[in-house]
C-alpha cells in the first residue's frame, strides 16, 4: 500500500486543497496491472481534523495494506461537507469534482457498487448527507458516531450559521438528513447499504441510533446494519469499528496478519 499526498485545485471553492490517498501495492512481486480497476473508499474526517487525521490516529493503513482498494481522504476543514452559506462549496468538491480528478489520475472503478464511503463524527454526518442525496453513486456507506446535525447544533454559533444558516433554513434544506430520508421513499433506482457504529457512552449515541432506526423504518427496502457497544467519541472506539466496516464493504480483513 502506497501513501500519496496531492495538492489539488478545487474549482468548486477556488482554492488548493490537500487530499491523502493510499493505493494498492503488490508487496511480493512487481508486475503491470494492465486495465485493472480498483474499488474506492472515501473516508471523511471529523471536526477540527484534516485529511491526515485518519492516517495519524487510526489503524486503517495496516488493515488496508494488502487489500485491492484505493482509499481517499479529502480535507474539508470544519465545513460539515456542505455548500456553506459563506460561499465555500465543499459538498460540490467532495461529491462532484474530486471523483473526476481522481478517475483521471488513478485506476478507480466506475462501478457504483464498488464505490464506498465512511466517516466519523462530522464525517459521519457528511457521509449520510452525501449518500442520501446520491443513492445511485455509492454501494455501501458506514456512519461512525454521526447523526443529524440539527439535533445538537447551536445555531447561534458563527461557524454553524456560516455552514447551515438559521435553524429555519436548516430544517427546510437538504442538509436536514430527515428530509433526505423522506425524499428517498420515492427513489426508483438502486439503493446503497448502510452500517452504523457508535459507542453507547458517546454523546451522539442517541442521535446516531435514532437516525439508523428512522432510515430502517422509513425506507424498509434499504439494508441497515447497526452495532452499538461501550465506547466514547474517539479513535479508540473507531479503531474497533474499522475492521467491521471493511468487512461490511466486502473485504477479507485479517486483523492479526498485518506484518
C-alpha atoms as a PDB file:
ATOM      1  CA  UNK A   1       0.000   0.000   0.000  1.00  0.00           C
ATOM      2  CA  UNK A   2       1.438   3.349  -1.085  1.00  0.00           C
ATOM      3  CA  UNK A   3       0.619   6.606   0.679  1.00  0.00           C
ATOM      4  CA  UNK A   4       0.460   9.662  -1.579  1.00  0.00           C
ATOM      5  CA  UNK A   5      -0.419  13.288  -0.906  1.00  0.00           C
ATOM      6  CA  UNK A   6      -1.915  15.515  -3.581  1.00  0.00           C
ATOM      7  CA  UNK A   7      -2.495  19.232  -3.608  1.00  0.00           C
ATOM      8  CA  UNK A   8      -5.405  19.795  -5.960  1.00  0.00           C
ATOM      9  CA  UNK A   9      -7.161  22.882  -7.230  1.00  0.00           C
ATOM     10  CA  UNK A  10     -10.780  22.653  -6.090  1.00  0.00           C
ATOM     11  CA  UNK A  11     -12.549  24.727  -8.730  1.00  0.00           C
ATOM     12  CA  UNK A  12     -15.754  24.453  -6.675  1.00  0.00           C
ATOM     13  CA  UNK A  13     -14.052  26.518  -3.956  1.00  0.00           C
ATOM     14  CA  UNK A  14     -11.434  28.429  -5.984  1.00  0.00           C
ATOM     15  CA  UNK A  15      -8.614  27.201  -3.755  1.00  0.00           C
ATOM     16  CA  UNK A  16      -5.978  24.495  -3.451  1.00  0.00           C
ATOM     17  CA  UNK A  17      -6.733  21.688  -1.022  1.00  0.00           C
ATOM     18  CA  UNK A  18      -4.958  18.579   0.208  1.00  0.00           C
ATOM     19  CA  UNK A  19      -6.047  15.013  -0.482  1.00  0.00           C
ATOM     20  CA  UNK A  20      -4.340  11.948   1.011  1.00  0.00           C
ATOM     21  CA  UNK A  21      -4.639   8.646  -0.861  1.00  0.00           C
ATOM     22  CA  UNK A  22      -3.498   5.111  -0.160  1.00  0.00           C
ATOM     23  CA  UNK A  23      -3.036   2.988  -3.262  1.00  0.00           C
ATOM     24  CA  UNK A  24      -2.694  -0.820  -3.520  1.00  0.00           C
ATOM     25  CA  UNK A  25       0.788  -2.222  -3.908  1.00  0.00           C
ATOM     26  CA  UNK A  26       1.754  -5.848  -4.508  1.00  0.00           C
ATOM     27  CA  UNK A  27       4.445  -6.291  -1.858  1.00  0.00           C
ATOM     28  CA  UNK A  28       5.505  -9.729  -3.143  1.00  0.00           C
ATOM     29  CA  UNK A  29       6.147  -9.177  -6.853  1.00  0.00           C
ATOM     30  CA  UNK A  30       6.205  -6.404  -9.422  1.00  0.00           C
ATOM     31  CA  UNK A  31       4.011  -6.645 -12.490  1.00  0.00           C
ATOM     32  CA  UNK A  32       1.740  -4.489 -14.617  1.00  0.00           C
ATOM     33  CA  UNK A  33      -1.891  -4.249 -13.524  1.00  0.00           C
ATOM     34  CA  UNK A  34      -2.932  -3.642 -17.152  1.00  0.00           C
ATOM     35  CA  UNK A  35      -6.507  -2.386 -17.342  1.00  0.00           C
ATOM     36  CA  UNK A  36      -7.401  -3.419 -13.803  1.00  0.00           C
ATOM     37  CA  UNK A  37      -9.646  -1.031 -11.889  1.00  0.00           C
ATOM     38  CA  UNK A  38      -9.861  -0.862  -8.101  1.00  0.00           C
ATOM     39  CA  UNK A  39     -12.773  -0.250  -5.751  1.00  0.00           C
ATOM     40  CA  UNK A  40     -12.587   3.091  -3.952  1.00  0.00           C
ATOM     41  CA  UNK A  41     -13.366   4.101  -0.382  1.00  0.00           C
ATOM     42  CA  UNK A  42     -13.810   7.769   0.527  1.00  0.00           C
ATOM     43  CA  UNK A  43     -13.040   8.437   4.205  1.00  0.00           C
ATOM     44  CA  UNK A  44     -14.320  11.672   5.757  1.00  0.00           C
ATOM     45  CA  UNK A  45     -12.657  13.245   8.787  1.00  0.00           C
ATOM     46  CA  UNK A  46     -14.340  14.905  11.744  1.00  0.00           C
ATOM     47  CA  UNK A  47     -14.480  18.452  13.094  1.00  0.00           C
ATOM     48  CA  UNK A  48     -11.111  20.073  13.836  1.00  0.00           C
ATOM     49  CA  UNK A  49      -9.326  17.420  11.753  1.00  0.00           C
ATOM     50  CA  UNK A  50      -7.956  17.152   8.225  1.00  0.00           C
ATOM     51  CA  UNK A  51      -7.106  14.556   5.587  1.00  0.00           C
ATOM     52  CA  UNK A  52      -4.153  13.235   7.623  1.00  0.00           C
ATOM     53  CA  UNK A  53      -6.118  12.547  10.811  1.00  0.00           C
ATOM     54  CA  UNK A  54      -7.157   9.027   9.878  1.00  0.00           C
ATOM     55  CA  UNK A  55      -3.618   8.118   8.856  1.00  0.00           C
ATOM     56  CA  UNK A  56      -2.185   9.547  12.079  1.00  0.00           C
ATOM     57  CA  UNK A  57      -4.762   8.232  14.550  1.00  0.00           C
ATOM     58  CA  UNK A  58      -6.333   5.087  13.091  1.00  0.00           C
ATOM     59  CA  UNK A  59      -5.308   1.566  12.110  1.00  0.00           C
ATOM     60  CA  UNK A  60      -6.726   1.915   8.599  1.00  0.00           C
ATOM     61  CA  UNK A  61      -3.377   1.832   6.767  1.00  0.00           C
ATOM     62  CA  UNK A  62      -2.384  -1.517   8.279  1.00  0.00           C
ATOM     63  CA  UNK A  63      -5.826  -3.019   7.775  1.00  0.00           C
ATOM     64  CA  UNK A  64      -5.937  -1.964   4.103  1.00  0.00           C
ATOM     65  CA  UNK A  65      -2.300  -2.690   3.306  1.00  0.00           C
ATOM     66  CA  UNK A  66      -2.960  -5.938   1.441  1.00  0.00           C
ATOM     67  CA  UNK A  67      -6.389  -5.058   0.049  1.00  0.00           C
ATOM     68  CA  UNK A  68      -7.172  -4.241  -3.590  1.00  0.00           C
ATOM     69  CA  UNK A  69      -8.701  -0.943  -2.555  1.00  0.00           C
ATOM     70  CA  UNK A  70      -7.934   2.730  -3.158  1.00  0.00           C
ATOM     71  CA  UNK A  71      -8.676   4.828  -0.066  1.00  0.00           C
ATOM     72  CA  UNK A  72      -9.195   8.587  -0.386  1.00  0.00           C
ATOM     73  CA  UNK A  73      -9.043  11.109   2.464  1.00  0.00           C
ATOM     74  CA  UNK A  74     -10.212  14.589   1.403  1.00  0.00           C
ATOM     75  CA  UNK A  75      -9.840  17.682   3.581  1.00  0.00           C
ATOM     76  CA  UNK A  76     -12.997  19.632   4.328  1.00  0.00           C
ATOM     77  CA  UNK A  77     -11.976  21.820   7.288  1.00  0.00           C
ATOM     78  CA  UNK A  78     -14.971  22.393   9.618  1.00  0.00           C
ATOM     79  CA  UNK A  79     -17.495  22.565   6.768  1.00  0.00           C
ATOM     80  CA  UNK A  80     -19.662  19.522   7.612  1.00  0.00           C
ATOM     81  CA  UNK A  81     -19.226  18.675   3.898  1.00  0.00           C
ATOM     82  CA  UNK A  82     -21.955  21.096   2.812  1.00  0.00           C
ATOM     83  CA  UNK A  83     -22.074  24.030   0.431  1.00  0.00           C
ATOM     84  CA  UNK A  84     -21.696  26.699   3.066  1.00  0.00           C
ATOM     85  CA  UNK A  85     -23.551  29.971   3.379  1.00  0.00           C
ATOM     86  CA  UNK A  86     -20.224  31.819   3.111  1.00  0.00           C
ATOM     87  CA  UNK A  87     -19.648  30.564  -0.422  1.00  0.00           C
ATOM     88  CA  UNK A  88     -17.329  27.580   0.030  1.00  0.00           C
ATOM     89  CA  UNK A  89     -18.811  24.627  -1.853  1.00  0.00           C
ATOM     90  CA  UNK A  90     -17.315  21.669  -0.002  1.00  0.00           C
ATOM     91  CA  UNK A  91     -20.171  19.348  -0.945  1.00  0.00           C
ATOM     92  CA  UNK A  92     -19.651  20.051  -4.645  1.00  0.00           C
ATOM     93  CA  UNK A  93     -15.919  19.471  -4.256  1.00  0.00           C
ATOM     94  CA  UNK A  94     -16.130  16.101  -2.490  1.00  0.00           C
ATOM     95  CA  UNK A  95     -19.145  14.725  -4.364  1.00  0.00           C
ATOM     96  CA  UNK A  96     -18.813  16.018  -7.907  1.00  0.00           C
ATOM     97  CA  UNK A  97     -15.336  17.360  -8.616  1.00  0.00           C
ATOM     98  CA  UNK A  98     -12.899  15.231  -6.608  1.00  0.00           C
ATOM     99  CA  UNK A  99     -14.052  11.865  -8.084  1.00  0.00           C
ATOM    100  CA  UNK A 100     -13.492  13.174 -11.614  1.00  0.00           C
ATOM    101  CA  UNK A 101      -9.967  14.345 -10.797  1.00  0.00           C
ATOM    102  CA  UNK A 102      -9.138  11.033  -9.136  1.00  0.00           C
ATOM    103  CA  UNK A 103     -10.515   8.982 -12.034  1.00  0.00           C
ATOM    104  CA  UNK A 104      -8.229  10.976 -14.316  1.00  0.00           C
ATOM    105  CA  UNK A 105      -5.203  10.056 -12.164  1.00  0.00           C
ATOM    106  CA  UNK A 106      -5.808   6.604 -10.701  1.00  0.00           C
ATOM    107  CA  UNK A 107      -7.225   3.218 -11.818  1.00  0.00           C
ATOM    108  CA  UNK A 108     -10.550   3.655  -9.990  1.00  0.00           C
ATOM    109  CA  UNK A 109     -13.654   1.696 -10.934  1.00  0.00           C
ATOM    110  CA  UNK A 110     -16.723   3.380 -12.413  1.00  0.00           C
ATOM    111  CA  UNK A 111     -18.996   0.826 -10.722  1.00  0.00           C
ATOM    112  CA  UNK A 112     -21.164   2.482  -8.036  1.00  0.00           C
ATOM    113  CA  UNK A 113     -21.470  -0.867  -6.238  1.00  0.00           C
ATOM    114  CA  UNK A 114     -17.694  -0.758  -5.707  1.00  0.00           C
ATOM    115  CA  UNK A 115     -17.727   2.868  -4.537  1.00  0.00           C
ATOM    116  CA  UNK A 116     -17.806   3.157  -0.747  1.00  0.00           C
ATOM    117  CA  UNK A 117     -17.794   5.962   1.797  1.00  0.00           C
ATOM    118  CA  UNK A 118     -17.459   6.299   5.553  1.00  0.00           C
ATOM    119  CA  UNK A 119     -16.679   8.959   8.124  1.00  0.00           C
ATOM    120  CA  UNK A 120     -16.546   9.667  11.825  1.00  0.00           C
ATOM    121  CA  UNK A 121     -18.309  12.393  13.810  1.00  0.00           C
ATOM    122  CA  UNK A 122     -18.717  15.349  11.395  1.00  0.00           C
ATOM    123  CA  UNK A 123     -17.583  12.935   8.699  1.00  0.00           C
ATOM    124  CA  UNK A 124     -20.365  10.548   9.739  1.00  0.00           C
ATOM    125  CA  UNK A 125     -22.869  13.319   9.130  1.00  0.00           C
ATOM    126  CA  UNK A 126     -21.089  14.144   5.853  1.00  0.00           C
ATOM    127  CA  UNK A 127     -21.301  10.504   4.778  1.00  0.00           C
ATOM    128  CA  UNK A 128     -25.054  10.463   5.304  1.00  0.00           C
ATOM    129  CA  UNK A 129     -25.532  13.895   3.717  1.00  0.00           C
ATOM    130  CA  UNK A 130     -23.695  12.730   0.601  1.00  0.00           C
ATOM    131  CA  UNK A 131     -25.108   9.221   0.191  1.00  0.00           C
ATOM    132  CA  UNK A 132     -28.733  10.035   0.973  1.00  0.00           C
ATOM    133  CA  UNK A 133     -28.525  12.724  -1.731  1.00  0.00           C
ATOM    134  CA  UNK A 134     -26.807  10.431  -4.254  1.00  0.00           C
ATOM    135  CA  UNK A 135     -28.029   6.864  -3.614  1.00  0.00           C
ATOM    136  CA  UNK A 136     -27.146   5.730  -7.149  1.00  0.00           C
ATOM    137  CA  UNK A 137     -23.468   6.635  -6.780  1.00  0.00           C
ATOM    138  CA  UNK A 138     -22.436   4.545  -3.768  1.00  0.00           C
ATOM    139  CA  UNK A 139     -22.743   0.865  -2.993  1.00  0.00           C
ATOM    140  CA  UNK A 140     -22.284   0.979   0.778  1.00  0.00           C
ATOM    141  CA  UNK A 141     -21.846   3.632   3.461  1.00  0.00           C
ATOM    142  CA  UNK A 142     -20.668   3.494   7.072  1.00  0.00           C
ATOM    143  CA  UNK A 143     -21.562   6.166   9.627  1.00  0.00           C
ATOM    144  CA  UNK A 144     -19.244   6.173  12.646  1.00  0.00           C
ATOM    145  CA  UNK A 145     -20.662   8.115  15.603  1.00  0.00           C
ATOM    146  CA  UNK A 146     -22.531  10.526  13.352  1.00  0.00           C
ATOM    147  CA  UNK A 147     -26.082  11.810  13.288  1.00  0.00           C
ATOM    148  CA  UNK A 148     -28.263  14.656  12.142  1.00  0.00           C
ATOM    149  CA  UNK A 149     -26.549  17.943  12.990  1.00  0.00           C
ATOM    150  CA  UNK A 150     -29.768  19.759  13.838  1.00  0.00           C
ATOM    151  CA  UNK A 151     -30.340  17.670  16.952  1.00  0.00           C
ATOM    152  CA  UNK A 152     -27.384  19.120  18.859  1.00  0.00           C
ATOM    153  CA  UNK A 153     -26.336  22.211  16.933  1.00  0.00           C
ATOM    154  CA  UNK A 154     -26.197  25.711  18.401  1.00  0.00           C
ATOM    155  CA  UNK A 155     -27.393  27.868  15.518  1.00  0.00           C
ATOM    156  CA  UNK A 156     -26.122  31.000  17.276  1.00  0.00           C
ATOM    157  CA  UNK A 157     -22.588  29.759  16.788  1.00  0.00           C
ATOM    158  CA  UNK A 158     -20.975  31.678  13.884  1.00  0.00           C
ATOM    159  CA  UNK A 159     -19.427  28.533  12.407  1.00  0.00           C
ATOM    160  CA  UNK A 160     -22.730  26.641  12.404  1.00  0.00           C
ATOM    161  CA  UNK A 161     -24.641  29.569  10.936  1.00  0.00           C
ATOM    162  CA  UNK A 162     -21.929  30.021   8.343  1.00  0.00           C
ATOM    163  CA  UNK A 163     -22.324  26.402   7.286  1.00  0.00           C
ATOM    164  CA  UNK A 164     -26.083  25.949   7.583  1.00  0.00           C
ATOM    165  CA  UNK A 165     -27.776  29.322   8.013  1.00  0.00           C
ATOM    166  CA  UNK A 166     -30.527  29.705  10.584  1.00  0.00           C
ATOM    167  CA  UNK A 167     -32.356  26.810  12.220  1.00  0.00           C
ATOM    168  CA  UNK A 168     -35.335  27.509   9.971  1.00  0.00           C
ATOM    169  CA  UNK A 169     -33.170  27.420   6.858  1.00  0.00           C
ATOM    170  CA  UNK A 170     -31.540  24.202   8.030  1.00  0.00           C
ATOM    171  CA  UNK A 171     -34.804  22.419   8.784  1.00  0.00           C
ATOM    172  CA  UNK A 172     -36.133  23.135   5.285  1.00  0.00           C
ATOM    173  CA  UNK A 173     -32.935  22.231   3.429  1.00  0.00           C
ATOM    174  CA  UNK A 174     -31.285  19.063   2.158  1.00  0.00           C
ATOM    175  CA  UNK A 175     -28.770  19.438   4.982  1.00  0.00           C
ATOM    176  CA  UNK A 176     -31.502  18.072   7.248  1.00  0.00           C
ATOM    177  CA  UNK A 177     -30.960  14.310   6.934  1.00  0.00           C
ATOM    178  CA  UNK A 178     -34.553  13.519   7.772  1.00  0.00           C
ATOM    179  CA  UNK A 179     -35.686  15.471   4.695  1.00  0.00           C
ATOM    180  CA  UNK A 180     -33.356  13.330   2.599  1.00  0.00           C
ATOM    181  CA  UNK A 181     -34.737  10.129   4.125  1.00  0.00           C
ATOM    182  CA  UNK A 182     -38.235  11.310   3.254  1.00  0.00           C
ATOM    183  CA  UNK A 183     -37.142  12.017  -0.325  1.00  0.00           C
ATOM    184  CA  UNK A 184     -35.598   8.569  -0.556  1.00  0.00           C
ATOM    185  CA  UNK A 185     -39.022   6.943  -0.270  1.00  0.00           C
ATOM    186  CA  UNK A 186     -39.723   7.906  -3.899  1.00  0.00           C
ATOM    187  CA  UNK A 187     -36.345   6.782  -5.240  1.00  0.00           C
ATOM    188  CA  UNK A 188     -36.725   4.287  -8.101  1.00  0.00           C
ATOM    189  CA  UNK A 189     -33.118   3.228  -8.655  1.00  0.00           C
ATOM    190  CA  UNK A 190     -30.528   1.237  -6.747  1.00  0.00           C
ATOM    191  CA  UNK A 191     -30.211   1.833  -3.015  1.00  0.00           C
ATOM    192  CA  UNK A 192     -26.973   1.529  -1.042  1.00  0.00           C
ATOM    193  CA  UNK A 193     -26.488  -0.489   2.141  1.00  0.00           C
ATOM    194  CA  UNK A 194     -25.769   1.340   5.390  1.00  0.00           C
ATOM    195  CA  UNK A 195     -23.945   0.466   8.608  1.00  0.00           C
ATOM    196  CA  UNK A 196     -23.937   2.485  11.821  1.00  0.00           C
ATOM    197  CA  UNK A 197     -21.386   2.002  14.619  1.00  0.00           C
ATOM    198  CA  UNK A 198     -21.378   4.117  17.773  1.00  0.00           C
ATOM    199  CA  UNK A 199     -20.274   3.842  21.392  1.00  0.00           C
ATOM    200  CA  UNK A 200     -23.034   3.645  23.968  1.00  0.00           C
ATOM    201  CA  UNK A 201     -21.256   6.272  26.119  1.00  0.00           C
ATOM    202  CA  UNK A 202     -20.798   8.574  23.123  1.00  0.00           C
ATOM    203  CA  UNK A 203     -22.563  11.935  23.415  1.00  0.00           C
ATOM    204  CA  UNK A 204     -24.005  11.333  19.924  1.00  0.00           C
ATOM    205  CA  UNK A 205     -25.212   7.790  20.643  1.00  0.00           C
ATOM    206  CA  UNK A 206     -28.949   8.549  20.866  1.00  0.00           C
ATOM    207  CA  UNK A 207     -28.769  10.760  17.806  1.00  0.00           C
ATOM    208  CA  UNK A 208     -26.925   8.113  15.781  1.00  0.00           C
ATOM    209  CA  UNK A 209     -29.263   5.338  16.883  1.00  0.00           C
ATOM    210  CA  UNK A 210     -32.342   7.423  16.036  1.00  0.00           C
ATOM    211  CA  UNK A 211     -31.005   8.170  12.546  1.00  0.00           C
ATOM    212  CA  UNK A 212     -30.300   4.486  11.878  1.00  0.00           C
ATOM    213  CA  UNK A 213     -33.698   3.376  13.136  1.00  0.00           C
ATOM    214  CA  UNK A 214     -35.514   6.077  11.170  1.00  0.00           C
ATOM    215  CA  UNK A 215     -33.779   5.096   7.940  1.00  0.00           C
ATOM    216  CA  UNK A 216     -34.575   1.436   8.617  1.00  0.00           C
ATOM    217  CA  UNK A 217     -38.251   2.044   9.343  1.00  0.00           C
ATOM    218  CA  UNK A 218     -38.984   4.738   6.748  1.00  0.00           C
ATOM    219  CA  UNK A 219     -37.224   3.023   3.825  1.00  0.00           C
ATOM    220  CA  UNK A 220     -37.567  -0.692   4.690  1.00  0.00           C
ATOM    221  CA  UNK A 221     -36.096  -1.870   1.376  1.00  0.00           C
ATOM    222  CA  UNK A 222     -32.707  -0.491   2.481  1.00  0.00           C
ATOM    223  CA  UNK A 223     -30.399  -2.891   4.299  1.00  0.00           C
ATOM    224  CA  UNK A 224     -29.299  -1.221   7.555  1.00  0.00           C
ATOM    225  CA  UNK A 225     -26.724  -2.794   9.858  1.00  0.00           C
ATOM    226  CA  UNK A 226     -26.260  -1.190  13.262  1.00  0.00           C
ATOM    227  CA  UNK A 227     -23.948  -2.122  16.104  1.00  0.00           C
ATOM    228  CA  UNK A 228     -23.529  -0.258  19.367  1.00  0.00           C
ATOM    229  CA  UNK A 229     -21.143  -1.221  22.150  1.00  0.00           C
ATOM    230  CA  UNK A 230     -19.354   0.542  25.023  1.00  0.00           C
ATOM    231  CA  UNK A 231     -17.155   3.366  23.856  1.00  0.00           C
ATOM    232  CA  UNK A 232     -16.678   7.107  23.603  1.00  0.00           C
ATOM    233  CA  UNK A 233     -16.378   9.641  20.787  1.00  0.00           C
ATOM    234  CA  UNK A 234     -12.764   8.967  19.818  1.00  0.00           C
ATOM    235  CA  UNK A 235     -10.420   6.869  17.712  1.00  0.00           C
ATOM    236  CA  UNK A 236     -10.106   4.239  20.433  1.00  0.00           C
ATOM    237  CA  UNK A 237     -13.684   3.309  19.559  1.00  0.00           C
ATOM    238  CA  UNK A 238     -13.415   3.946  15.808  1.00  0.00           C
ATOM    239  CA  UNK A 239     -10.353   1.713  15.566  1.00  0.00           C
ATOM    240  CA  UNK A 240     -12.536  -1.118  16.842  1.00  0.00           C
ATOM    241  CA  UNK A 241     -15.133  -0.280  14.204  1.00  0.00           C
ATOM    242  CA  UNK A 242     -12.846  -0.017  11.171  1.00  0.00           C
ATOM    243  CA  UNK A 243     -12.372  -3.809  10.716  1.00  0.00           C
ATOM    244  CA  UNK A 244     -16.148  -4.228  10.936  1.00  0.00           C
ATOM    245  CA  UNK A 245     -16.590  -1.505   8.317  1.00  0.00           C
ATOM    246  CA  UNK A 246     -14.095  -3.068   5.920  1.00  0.00           C
ATOM    247  CA  UNK A 247     -15.791  -6.453   6.264  1.00  0.00           C
ATOM    248  CA  UNK A 248     -19.138  -4.723   5.665  1.00  0.00           C
ATOM    249  CA  UNK A 249     -17.659  -3.341   2.426  1.00  0.00           C
ATOM    250  CA  UNK A 250     -16.814  -6.920   1.445  1.00  0.00           C
ATOM    251  CA  UNK A 251     -13.087  -7.145   2.182  1.00  0.00           C
ATOM    252  CA  UNK A 252     -11.353 -10.061   3.891  1.00  0.00           C
ATOM    253  CA  UNK A 253      -9.640  -8.250   6.726  1.00  0.00           C
ATOM    254  CA  UNK A 254      -7.112 -10.338   8.619  1.00  0.00           C
ATOM    255  CA  UNK A 255      -6.704  -8.274  11.773  1.00  0.00           C
ATOM    256  CA  UNK A 256      -3.880 -10.412  13.167  1.00  0.00           C
ATOM    257  CA  UNK A 257      -1.941 -10.766   9.919  1.00  0.00           C
ATOM    258  CA  UNK A 258      -0.606  -7.316   9.069  1.00  0.00           C
ATOM    259  CA  UNK A 259       3.167  -7.901   9.001  1.00  0.00           C
END
